[in-house]
Amino acid sequence: MPRERDPLIVGRVVGDVLEPFTRSISLRAVYNNREVNNGCEFRPSQVVTQPRVEIGGDDLRTFYTLIMVDPDAPSPSDPSLREYLHWLVTDIPATTGATFGQEVVCYESPRPTVGIHRFVFVLFRQLGRQTVYAPGWRQNFNTREFAELYNLGLPVAAVYFNCQREGGSGGRRR
């Protein structure tokens, strides 16, 4: 896919959250039988419970870390809490899903109050099992620094969705 049409670049996920990377594994996130596709819209009531997340790969001895962040907290025009960590699961064996990993930061459902927020799922390949640990906070989490700290390298997959408050009506990302 040409870089200028890559939805992660168009949606500024690459840049705001991630460095450019090449997807090398499948990542599927599903809320109530509705799959997350880059840039799709969900309401807070649709994302209350953690999604079912499935990852590809071919070797159960390979482990992955899943990170879910909001780079637009508390508002897209003033993202002073960028990034807000909503979920962190480590030690997910390839070919399985998040339920087979270690939830080290429990899922916190998106509840944006101002503007349209992006919620990003990022998948990293771990060097080994039990090599990634929980950060001490959720606000001002930094995916790049976290990946560097635990030698995770570049992401192997990512997908994001948009979400705004329940009564919101489209419009600009304020």
C-alpha atoms as a PDB file:
ATOM      1  CA  MET A   1       0.000   0.000   0.000  1.00  0.00           C
ATOM      2  CA  PRO A   2       1.436   3.406  -0.909  1.00  0.00           C
ATOM      3  CA  ARG A   3       2.547   5.228   2.237  1.00  0.00           C
ATOM      4  CA  GLU A   4       0.336   8.251   1.517  1.00  0.00           C
ATOM      5  CA  ARG A   5      -2.731   5.970   1.575  1.00  0.00           C
ATOM      6  CA  ASP A   6      -1.773   3.983   4.673  1.00  0.00           C
ATOM      7  CA  PRO A   7      -4.593   4.732   7.165  1.00  0.00           C
ATOM      8  CA  LEU A   8      -2.132   4.725  10.081  1.00  0.00           C
ATOM      9  CA  ILE A   9      -0.237   7.565   8.386  1.00  0.00           C
ATOM     10  CA  VAL A  10      -3.350   9.426   7.217  1.00  0.00           C
ATOM     11  CA  GLY A  11      -4.792   9.161  10.762  1.00  0.00           C
ATOM     12  CA  ARG A  12      -1.472  10.416  12.200  1.00  0.00           C
ATOM     13  CA  VAL A  13      -1.041   7.299  14.345  1.00  0.00           C
ATOM     14  CA  VAL A  14       2.352   6.983  12.693  1.00  0.00           C
ATOM     15  CA  GLY A  15       3.938  10.182  13.917  1.00  0.00           C
ATOM     16  CA  ASP A  16       1.883  10.819  17.062  1.00  0.00           C
ATOM     17  CA  VAL A  17       2.303   7.331  18.561  1.00  0.00           C
ATOM     18  CA  LEU A  18       4.487   5.138  16.353  1.00  0.00           C
ATOM     19  CA  GLU A  19       7.466   5.263  14.063  1.00  0.00           C
ATOM     20  CA  PRO A  20       6.897   3.971  10.519  1.00  0.00           C
ATOM     21  CA  PHE A  21       6.880   0.168  10.493  1.00  0.00           C
ATOM     22  CA  THR A  22       6.023  -2.762   8.268  1.00  0.00           C
ATOM     23  CA  ARG A  23       3.151  -4.954   9.423  1.00  0.00           C
ATOM     24  CA  SER A  24       4.363  -8.536   9.714  1.00  0.00           C
ATOM     25  CA  ILE A  25       1.592 -10.298  11.642  1.00  0.00           C
ATOM     26  CA  SER A  26      -2.194 -10.209  11.724  1.00  0.00           C
ATOM     27  CA  LEU A  27      -3.967  -8.356  14.539  1.00  0.00           C
ATOM     28  CA  ARG A  28      -7.742  -8.478  14.943  1.00  0.00           C
ATOM     29  CA  ALA A  29      -9.709  -6.591  17.604  1.00  0.00           C
ATOM     30  CA  VAL A  30     -13.453  -7.242  17.830  1.00  0.00           C
ATOM     31  CA  TYR A  31     -16.040  -5.493  20.013  1.00  0.00           C
ATOM     32  CA  ASN A  32     -19.373  -7.345  20.163  1.00  0.00           C
ATOM     33  CA  ASN A  33     -18.877  -9.048  16.782  1.00  0.00           C
ATOM     34  CA  ARG A  34     -17.783  -5.775  15.118  1.00  0.00           C
ATOM     35  CA  GLU A  35     -14.184  -5.731  13.944  1.00  0.00           C
ATOM     36  CA  VAL A  36     -11.997  -2.681  14.460  1.00  0.00           C
ATOM     37  CA  ASN A  37     -10.800  -1.291  11.135  1.00  0.00           C
ATOM     38  CA  ASN A  38      -8.506   1.708  10.864  1.00  0.00           C
ATOM     39  CA  GLY A  39     -10.479   4.920  11.314  1.00  0.00           C
ATOM     40  CA  CYS A  40     -13.846   3.300  12.046  1.00  0.00           C
ATOM     41  CA  GLU A  41     -16.161   4.894  14.602  1.00  0.00           C
ATOM     42  CA  PHE A  42     -17.311   3.370  17.894  1.00  0.00           C
ATOM     43  CA  ARG A  43     -19.371   4.971  20.654  1.00  0.00           C
ATOM     44  CA  PRO A  44     -18.350   4.572  24.325  1.00  0.00           C
ATOM     45  CA  SER A  45     -21.344   2.272  24.908  1.00  0.00           C
ATOM     46  CA  GLN A  46     -19.932  -0.113  22.262  1.00  0.00           C
ATOM     47  CA  VAL A  47     -16.492  -0.411  23.870  1.00  0.00           C
ATOM     48  CA  VAL A  48     -17.361  -0.875  27.547  1.00  0.00           C
ATOM     49  CA  THR A  49     -15.974  -4.395  27.733  1.00  0.00           C
ATOM     50  CA  GLN A  50     -12.555  -5.341  26.472  1.00  0.00           C
ATOM     51  CA  PRO A  51     -12.457  -6.534  22.881  1.00  0.00           C
ATOM     52  CA  ARG A  52     -11.598 -10.006  21.712  1.00  0.00           C
ATOM     53  CA  VAL A  53      -8.101  -9.705  20.281  1.00  0.00           C
ATOM     54  CA  GLU A  54      -6.596 -12.354  18.025  1.00  0.00           C
ATOM     55  CA  ILE A  55      -3.044 -12.390  16.765  1.00  0.00           C
ATOM     56  CA  GLY A  56      -1.428 -14.372  13.992  1.00  0.00           C
ATOM     57  CA  GLY A  57       1.944 -15.956  13.789  1.00  0.00           C
ATOM     58  CA  ASP A  58       2.948 -19.565  13.564  1.00  0.00           C
ATOM     59  CA  ASP A  59       5.001 -20.413  16.647  1.00  0.00           C
ATOM     60  CA  LEU A  60       3.437 -20.669  20.115  1.00  0.00           C
ATOM     61  CA  ARG A  61       6.902 -20.079  21.568  1.00  0.00           C
ATOM     62  CA  THR A  62       6.872 -16.500  20.254  1.00  0.00           C
ATOM     63  CA  PHE A  63       5.289 -13.968  22.622  1.00  0.00           C
ATOM     64  CA  TYR A  64       3.722 -10.579  22.013  1.00  0.00           C
ATOM     65  CA  THR A  65       2.779  -7.445  23.952  1.00  0.00           C
ATOM     66  CA  LEU A  66      -0.484  -5.636  23.198  1.00  0.00           C
ATOM     67  CA  ILE A  67      -0.818  -1.961  24.084  1.00  0.00           C
ATOM     68  CA  MET A  68      -3.970   0.173  23.776  1.00  0.00           C
ATOM     69  CA  VAL A  69      -3.521   3.950  24.055  1.00  0.00           C
ATOM     70  CA  ASP A  70      -5.411   7.201  23.502  1.00  0.00           C
ATOM     71  CA  PRO A  71      -3.052   9.819  22.031  1.00  0.00           C
ATOM     72  CA  ASP A  72      -5.780  12.491  22.238  1.00  0.00           C
ATOM     73  CA  ALA A  73      -6.325  12.700  26.012  1.00  0.00           C
ATOM     74  CA  PRO A  74      -7.893  14.764  27.416  1.00  0.00           C
ATOM     75  CA  SER A  75      -8.790  16.447  24.097  1.00  0.00           C
ATOM     76  CA  PRO A  76      -7.383  16.310  20.562  1.00  0.00           C
ATOM     77  CA  SER A  77      -6.646  20.045  20.612  1.00  0.00           C
ATOM     78  CA  ASP A  78      -4.779  19.793  23.939  1.00  0.00           C
ATOM     79  CA  PRO A  79      -3.420  16.253  24.302  1.00  0.00           C
ATOM     80  CA  SER A  80      -1.566  17.062  27.538  1.00  0.00           C
ATOM     81  CA  LEU A  81      -1.992  13.490  28.844  1.00  0.00           C
ATOM     82  CA  ARG A  82      -0.781  11.911  25.567  1.00  0.00           C
ATOM     83  CA  GLU A  83      -0.679   8.945  25.579  1.00  0.00           C
ATOM     84  CA  TYR A  84      -3.248   7.553  27.996  1.00  0.00           C
ATOM     85  CA  LEU A  85      -2.747   3.825  28.537  1.00  0.00           C
ATOM     86  CA  HIS A  86      -6.046   1.923  28.393  1.00  0.00           C
ATOM     87  CA  TRP A  87      -4.777  -1.662  28.344  1.00  0.00           C
ATOM     88  CA  LEU A  88      -1.557  -3.651  28.464  1.00  0.00           C
ATOM     89  CA  VAL A  89      -1.299  -7.405  27.926  1.00  0.00           C
ATOM     90  CA  THR A  90       2.030  -9.243  27.752  1.00  0.00           C
ATOM     91  CA  ASP A  91       3.194 -12.791  27.043  1.00  0.00           C
ATOM     92  CA  ILE A  92       0.536 -13.482  24.399  1.00  0.00           C
ATOM     93  CA  PRO A  93       1.572 -16.615  22.491  1.00  0.00           C
ATOM     94  CA  ALA A  94       1.480 -16.364  18.695  1.00  0.00           C
ATOM     95  CA  THR A  95      -1.661 -17.800  17.027  1.00  0.00           C
ATOM     96  CA  THR A  96      -3.783 -17.068  20.137  1.00  0.00           C
ATOM     97  CA  GLY A  97      -5.369 -13.990  21.634  1.00  0.00           C
ATOM     98  CA  ALA A  98      -5.139 -11.506  24.492  1.00  0.00           C
ATOM     99  CA  THR A  99      -6.994 -13.843  26.861  1.00  0.00           C
ATOM    100  CA  PHE A 100      -3.971 -16.179  26.719  1.00  0.00           C
ATOM    101  CA  GLY A 101      -1.581 -13.445  27.860  1.00  0.00           C
ATOM    102  CA  GLN A 102      -0.892 -11.675  31.141  1.00  0.00           C
ATOM    103  CA  GLU A 103      -3.076  -8.604  31.671  1.00  0.00           C
ATOM    104  CA  VAL A 104      -0.647  -6.296  33.476  1.00  0.00           C
ATOM    105  CA  VAL A 105      -2.745  -3.121  33.151  1.00  0.00           C
ATOM    106  CA  CYS A 106      -6.463  -3.882  33.171  1.00  0.00           C
ATOM    107  CA  TYR A 107      -8.742  -2.677  30.395  1.00  0.00           C
ATOM    108  CA  GLU A 108     -10.235   0.775  30.959  1.00  0.00           C
ATOM    109  CA  SER A 109     -13.054   1.568  28.570  1.00  0.00           C
ATOM    110  CA  PRO A 110     -12.794   4.717  26.418  1.00  0.00           C
ATOM    111  CA  ARG A 111     -14.857   7.654  27.691  1.00  0.00           C
ATOM    112  CA  PRO A 112     -13.817  10.729  25.696  1.00  0.00           C
ATOM    113  CA  THR A 113     -15.489  13.971  26.777  1.00  0.00           C
ATOM    114  CA  VAL A 114     -14.267  16.422  24.126  1.00  0.00           C
ATOM    115  CA  GLY A 115     -13.677  15.833  20.436  1.00  0.00           C
ATOM    116  CA  ILE A 116     -13.014  12.666  18.470  1.00  0.00           C
ATOM    117  CA  HIS A 117     -10.293  10.507  20.005  1.00  0.00           C
ATOM    118  CA  ARG A 118      -8.165   7.840  18.360  1.00  0.00           C
ATOM    119  CA  PHE A 119      -7.725   4.595  20.265  1.00  0.00           C
ATOM    120  CA  VAL A 120      -4.745   2.607  19.051  1.00  0.00           C
ATOM    121  CA  PHE A 121      -3.956  -1.085  19.487  1.00  0.00           C
ATOM    122  CA  VAL A 122      -0.246  -1.796  18.991  1.00  0.00           C
ATOM    123  CA  LEU A 123       1.372  -5.216  18.910  1.00  0.00           C
ATOM    124  CA  PHE A 124       5.063  -5.837  19.609  1.00  0.00           C
ATOM    125  CA  ARG A 125       7.064  -9.040  19.471  1.00  0.00           C
ATOM    126  CA  GLN A 126       8.804  -9.776  22.792  1.00  0.00           C
ATOM    127  CA  LEU A 127      12.353 -11.053  23.128  1.00  0.00           C
ATOM    128  CA  GLY A 128      11.121 -13.752  25.517  1.00  0.00           C
ATOM    129  CA  ARG A 129       8.497 -14.585  28.089  1.00  0.00           C
ATOM    130  CA  GLN A 130       8.137 -12.483  31.260  1.00  0.00           C
ATOM    131  CA  THR A 131      10.379  -9.734  29.894  1.00  0.00           C
ATOM    132  CA  VAL A 132       7.821  -6.865  29.918  1.00  0.00           C
ATOM    133  CA  TYR A 133       6.345  -5.297  33.053  1.00  0.00           C
ATOM    134  CA  ALA A 134       3.637  -2.792  33.959  1.00  0.00           C
ATOM    135  CA  PRO A 135       4.426   0.919  34.026  1.00  0.00           C
ATOM    136  CA  GLY A 136       3.563   2.860  37.177  1.00  0.00           C
ATOM    137  CA  TRP A 137       0.958   5.087  35.538  1.00  0.00           C
ATOM    138  CA  ARG A 138      -1.561   5.388  32.712  1.00  0.00           C
ATOM    139  CA  GLN A 139      -1.338   9.093  31.781  1.00  0.00           C
ATOM    140  CA  ASN A 140       1.591  10.364  29.709  1.00  0.00           C
ATOM    141  CA  PHE A 141       2.514   6.802  28.762  1.00  0.00           C
ATOM    142  CA  ASN A 142       4.896   6.730  25.802  1.00  0.00           C
ATOM    143  CA  THR A 143       4.660   3.742  23.470  1.00  0.00           C
ATOM    144  CA  ARG A 144       8.014   4.486  21.816  1.00  0.00           C
ATOM    145  CA  GLU A 145       9.878   4.782  25.142  1.00  0.00           C
ATOM    146  CA  PHE A 146       8.144   1.677  26.510  1.00  0.00           C
ATOM    147  CA  ALA A 147       9.173  -0.311  23.429  1.00  0.00           C
ATOM    148  CA  GLU A 148      12.739   0.942  23.794  1.00  0.00           C
ATOM    149  CA  LEU A 149      12.886   0.132  27.517  1.00  0.00           C
ATOM    150  CA  TYR A 150      11.908  -3.495  26.888  1.00  0.00           C
ATOM    151  CA  ASN A 151      13.776  -3.913  23.575  1.00  0.00           C
ATOM    152  CA  LEU A 152      10.544  -4.538  21.677  1.00  0.00           C
ATOM    153  CA  GLY A 153      11.730  -2.884  18.477  1.00  0.00           C
ATOM    154  CA  LEU A 154       9.216  -1.575  15.972  1.00  0.00           C
ATOM    155  CA  PRO A 155       5.583  -2.731  16.104  1.00  0.00           C
ATOM    156  CA  VAL A 156       4.582  -5.800  14.130  1.00  0.00           C
ATOM    157  CA  ALA A 157       0.949  -4.658  13.786  1.00  0.00           C
ATOM    158  CA  ALA A 158      -1.386  -1.817  14.738  1.00  0.00           C
ATOM    159  CA  VAL A 159      -5.010  -0.800  14.230  1.00  0.00           C
ATOM    160  CA  TYR A 160      -7.030   2.153  15.530  1.00  0.00           C
ATOM    161  CA  PHE A 161     -10.600   3.372  15.871  1.00  0.00           C
ATOM    162  CA  ASN A 162     -12.215   6.736  16.550  1.00  0.00           C
ATOM    163  CA  CYS A 163     -14.512   7.392  19.487  1.00  0.00           C
ATOM    164  CA  GLN A 164     -16.358  10.426  20.792  1.00  0.00           C
ATOM    165  CA  ARG A 165     -18.800  11.000  23.631  1.00  0.00           C
ATOM    166  CA  GLU A 166     -22.121   9.239  23.301  1.00  0.00           C
ATOM    167  CA  GLY A 167     -24.059  12.349  22.240  1.00  0.00           C
ATOM    168  CA  GLY A 168     -21.327  13.654  19.919  1.00  0.00           C
ATOM    169  CA  SER A 169     -22.166  14.295  16.288  1.00  0.00           C
ATOM    170  CA  GLY A 170     -19.155  13.972  14.027  1.00  0.00           C
ATOM    171  CA  GLY A 171     -17.524  17.282  13.322  1.00  0.00           C
ATOM    172  CA  ARG A 172     -13.883  18.148  13.733  1.00  0.00           C
ATOM    173  CA  ARG A 173     -11.295  16.554  15.946  1.00  0.00           C
ATOM    174  CA  ARG A 174     -11.096  19.476  18.402  1.00  0.00           C
END
